[in-house]
Each structure stands twice: as C-alpha cells, then as structure tokens.
Amino acid sequence: MAKTLKITLVKSTIGAIPKHRATAIALGLTKMQKTVEQQDNVAIRGMVNQISHLVNVEEA
C-alpha cells in the first residue's frame, strides 16, 4: 500500500501571497479545516513545504 499524507488547512489563505494560495488550491484545500489525503511523493512534499505555515500534515 502506498503511503499517504493527511493535509489539513488550518490557517486562512486570505493574506497569503498568490503563489501560496494557488498551491493550496492545487492540493485540494479550498476551505479552512478541510482535510485531504495525497500520495506521499516528492512533488506533494515540496508543495506542503511551500505552505507549511498554513497546513498541518500527518502521515497516514
């Protein structure tokens, strides 16, 4: 079974720079407290690292 990450948006993207807002949307995080599961790979890790101040990440 492939590893997955549970990513939860915990801070609003209203004050974020547009690039970070677009990254959150690309991950599927459109609303506060929304949680999505994504595959654990280098691309997703890079996106999460870019918006680490906006999200909580758990390994599932």
N, C-alpha and C. Protein backbone atom coordinates (compact mmCIF):
# COMPACT_ATOMS: atom_id res chain seq x y z
N MET A 1 0.84 -1.19 0.00
CA MET A 1 0.00 0.00 0.00
C MET A 1 0.88 1.25 0.00
N ALA A 2 0.55 2.19 -0.84
CA ALA A 2 1.33 3.42 -0.94
C ALA A 2 1.09 4.30 0.28
N LYS A 3 2.12 5.01 0.69
CA LYS A 3 1.99 5.92 1.82
C LYS A 3 1.18 7.13 1.40
N THR A 4 0.43 7.66 2.36
CA THR A 4 -0.36 8.86 2.09
C THR A 4 -0.12 9.90 3.18
N LEU A 5 -0.44 11.13 2.86
CA LEU A 5 -0.34 12.23 3.81
C LEU A 5 -1.73 12.81 4.01
N LYS A 6 -2.09 13.07 5.26
CA LYS A 6 -3.32 13.80 5.56
C LYS A 6 -2.93 15.25 5.75
N ILE A 7 -3.44 16.12 4.90
CA ILE A 7 -3.08 17.53 4.92
C ILE A 7 -4.33 18.33 5.27
N THR A 8 -4.23 19.16 6.31
CA THR A 8 -5.35 19.96 6.77
C THR A 8 -4.98 21.44 6.72
N LEU A 9 -5.85 22.23 6.11
CA LEU A 9 -5.65 23.68 6.05
C LEU A 9 -6.11 24.28 7.38
N VAL A 10 -5.18 24.85 8.15
CA VAL A 10 -5.51 25.37 9.48
C VAL A 10 -5.44 26.90 9.55
N LYS A 11 -4.90 27.53 8.54
CA LYS A 11 -4.81 28.99 8.52
C LYS A 11 -5.34 29.48 7.18
N SER A 12 -6.01 30.62 7.20
CA SER A 12 -6.62 31.16 6.00
C SER A 12 -5.58 31.57 4.96
N THR A 13 -5.97 31.46 3.71
CA THR A 13 -5.09 31.88 2.61
C THR A 13 -5.38 33.31 2.17
N ILE A 14 -6.24 34.02 2.90
CA ILE A 14 -6.61 35.38 2.51
C ILE A 14 -5.38 36.28 2.46
N GLY A 15 -4.53 36.24 3.47
CA GLY A 15 -3.37 37.12 3.49
C GLY A 15 -2.14 36.54 2.83
N ALA A 16 -2.26 35.32 2.30
CA ALA A 16 -1.11 34.65 1.70
C ALA A 16 -0.81 35.22 0.32
N ILE A 17 0.45 35.06 -0.09
CA ILE A 17 0.79 35.52 -1.44
C ILE A 17 0.10 34.61 -2.46
N PRO A 18 -0.18 35.13 -3.64
CA PRO A 18 -0.95 34.37 -4.64
C PRO A 18 -0.37 33.00 -4.97
N LYS A 19 0.95 32.88 -4.99
CA LYS A 19 1.57 31.59 -5.30
C LYS A 19 1.21 30.54 -4.24
N HIS A 20 1.18 30.94 -2.97
CA HIS A 20 0.83 30.01 -1.89
C HIS A 20 -0.66 29.66 -1.94
N ARG A 21 -1.48 30.64 -2.28
CA ARG A 21 -2.91 30.39 -2.41
C ARG A 21 -3.16 29.36 -3.52
N ALA A 22 -2.47 29.51 -4.63
CA ALA A 22 -2.62 28.59 -5.76
C ALA A 22 -2.14 27.19 -5.39
N THR A 23 -1.09 27.11 -4.59
CA THR A 23 -0.58 25.81 -4.15
C THR A 23 -1.60 25.10 -3.28
N ALA A 24 -2.25 25.83 -2.37
CA ALA A 24 -3.28 25.24 -1.52
C ALA A 24 -4.44 24.71 -2.35
N ILE A 25 -4.84 25.47 -3.35
CA ILE A 25 -5.95 25.03 -4.22
C ILE A 25 -5.54 23.80 -5.02
N ALA A 26 -4.29 23.77 -5.48
CA ALA A 26 -3.81 22.62 -6.25
C ALA A 26 -3.78 21.35 -5.40
N LEU A 27 -3.57 21.50 -4.10
CA LEU A 27 -3.61 20.34 -3.20
C LEU A 27 -5.04 19.92 -2.88
N GLY A 28 -6.01 20.75 -3.24
CA GLY A 28 -7.41 20.43 -2.97
C GLY A 28 -7.92 21.07 -1.69
N LEU A 29 -7.18 22.02 -1.15
CA LEU A 29 -7.56 22.69 0.10
C LEU A 29 -8.23 24.02 -0.24
N THR A 30 -9.56 24.01 -0.22
CA THR A 30 -10.30 25.20 -0.62
C THR A 30 -10.92 25.93 0.55
N LYS A 31 -11.12 25.26 1.69
CA LYS A 31 -11.75 25.88 2.85
C LYS A 31 -10.94 25.56 4.11
N MET A 32 -11.12 26.37 5.12
CA MET A 32 -10.46 26.15 6.41
C MET A 32 -10.92 24.81 7.00
N GLN A 33 -10.00 24.14 7.65
CA GLN A 33 -10.23 22.86 8.33
C GLN A 33 -10.56 21.72 7.37
N LYS A 34 -10.39 21.91 6.09
CA LYS A 34 -10.61 20.83 5.13
C LYS A 34 -9.37 19.93 5.13
N THR A 35 -9.61 18.64 5.11
CA THR A 35 -8.53 17.66 5.11
C THR A 35 -8.59 16.85 3.82
N VAL A 36 -7.43 16.68 3.21
CA VAL A 36 -7.34 15.85 2.01
C VAL A 36 -6.22 14.83 2.21
N GLU A 37 -6.33 13.72 1.51
CA GLU A 37 -5.27 12.72 1.52
C GLU A 37 -4.59 12.73 0.17
N GLN A 38 -3.29 12.88 0.19
CA GLN A 38 -2.49 12.88 -1.03
C GLN A 38 -1.41 11.83 -0.91
N GLN A 39 -0.95 11.33 -2.05
CA GLN A 39 0.16 10.38 -2.05
C GLN A 39 1.41 11.05 -1.51
N ASP A 40 2.23 10.26 -0.83
CA ASP A 40 3.48 10.79 -0.28
C ASP A 40 4.56 10.65 -1.33
N ASN A 41 4.80 11.73 -2.07
CA ASN A 41 5.87 11.74 -3.06
C ASN A 41 6.60 13.08 -3.01
N VAL A 42 7.62 13.22 -3.78
CA VAL A 42 8.48 14.40 -3.73
C VAL A 42 7.71 15.66 -4.13
N ALA A 43 6.86 15.58 -5.13
CA ALA A 43 6.12 16.75 -5.59
C ALA A 43 5.17 17.27 -4.51
N ILE A 44 4.43 16.37 -3.88
CA ILE A 44 3.50 16.77 -2.83
C ILE A 44 4.25 17.30 -1.62
N ARG A 45 5.37 16.66 -1.26
CA ARG A 45 6.18 17.14 -0.13
C ARG A 45 6.68 18.56 -0.40
N GLY A 46 7.07 18.84 -1.63
CA GLY A 46 7.52 20.19 -1.98
C GLY A 46 6.41 21.21 -1.86
N MET A 47 5.21 20.85 -2.29
CA MET A 47 4.07 21.75 -2.18
C MET A 47 3.73 22.02 -0.71
N VAL A 48 3.75 20.97 0.09
CA VAL A 48 3.46 21.11 1.51
C VAL A 48 4.53 21.95 2.19
N ASN A 49 5.77 21.77 1.81
CA ASN A 49 6.86 22.55 2.39
C ASN A 49 6.70 24.03 2.08
N GLN A 50 6.19 24.34 0.91
CA GLN A 50 6.00 25.72 0.50
C GLN A 50 4.93 26.43 1.35
N ILE A 51 3.89 25.69 1.74
CA ILE A 51 2.82 26.31 2.53
C ILE A 51 2.75 25.70 3.92
N SER A 52 3.88 25.33 4.47
CA SER A 52 3.92 24.67 5.77
C SER A 52 3.34 25.53 6.89
N HIS A 53 3.37 26.86 6.73
CA HIS A 53 2.84 27.75 7.74
C HIS A 53 1.30 27.81 7.70
N LEU A 54 0.68 27.20 6.71
CA LEU A 54 -0.77 27.22 6.57
C LEU A 54 -1.42 25.87 6.86
N VAL A 55 -0.63 24.79 6.90
CA VAL A 55 -1.20 23.45 6.99
C VAL A 55 -0.62 22.64 8.13
N ASN A 56 -1.37 21.60 8.53
CA ASN A 56 -0.87 20.54 9.40
C ASN A 56 -0.81 19.27 8.58
N VAL A 57 0.24 18.50 8.78
CA VAL A 57 0.44 17.28 7.98
C VAL A 57 0.61 16.10 8.92
N GLU A 58 -0.11 15.01 8.62
CA GLU A 58 0.02 13.75 9.35
C GLU A 58 0.28 12.65 8.34
N GLU A 59 1.15 11.73 8.71
CA GLU A 59 1.38 10.58 7.84
C GLU A 59 0.31 9.55 8.14
N ALA A 60 -0.35 9.06 7.09
CA ALA A 60 -1.43 8.10 7.28
C ALA A 60 -1.02 6.75 6.74
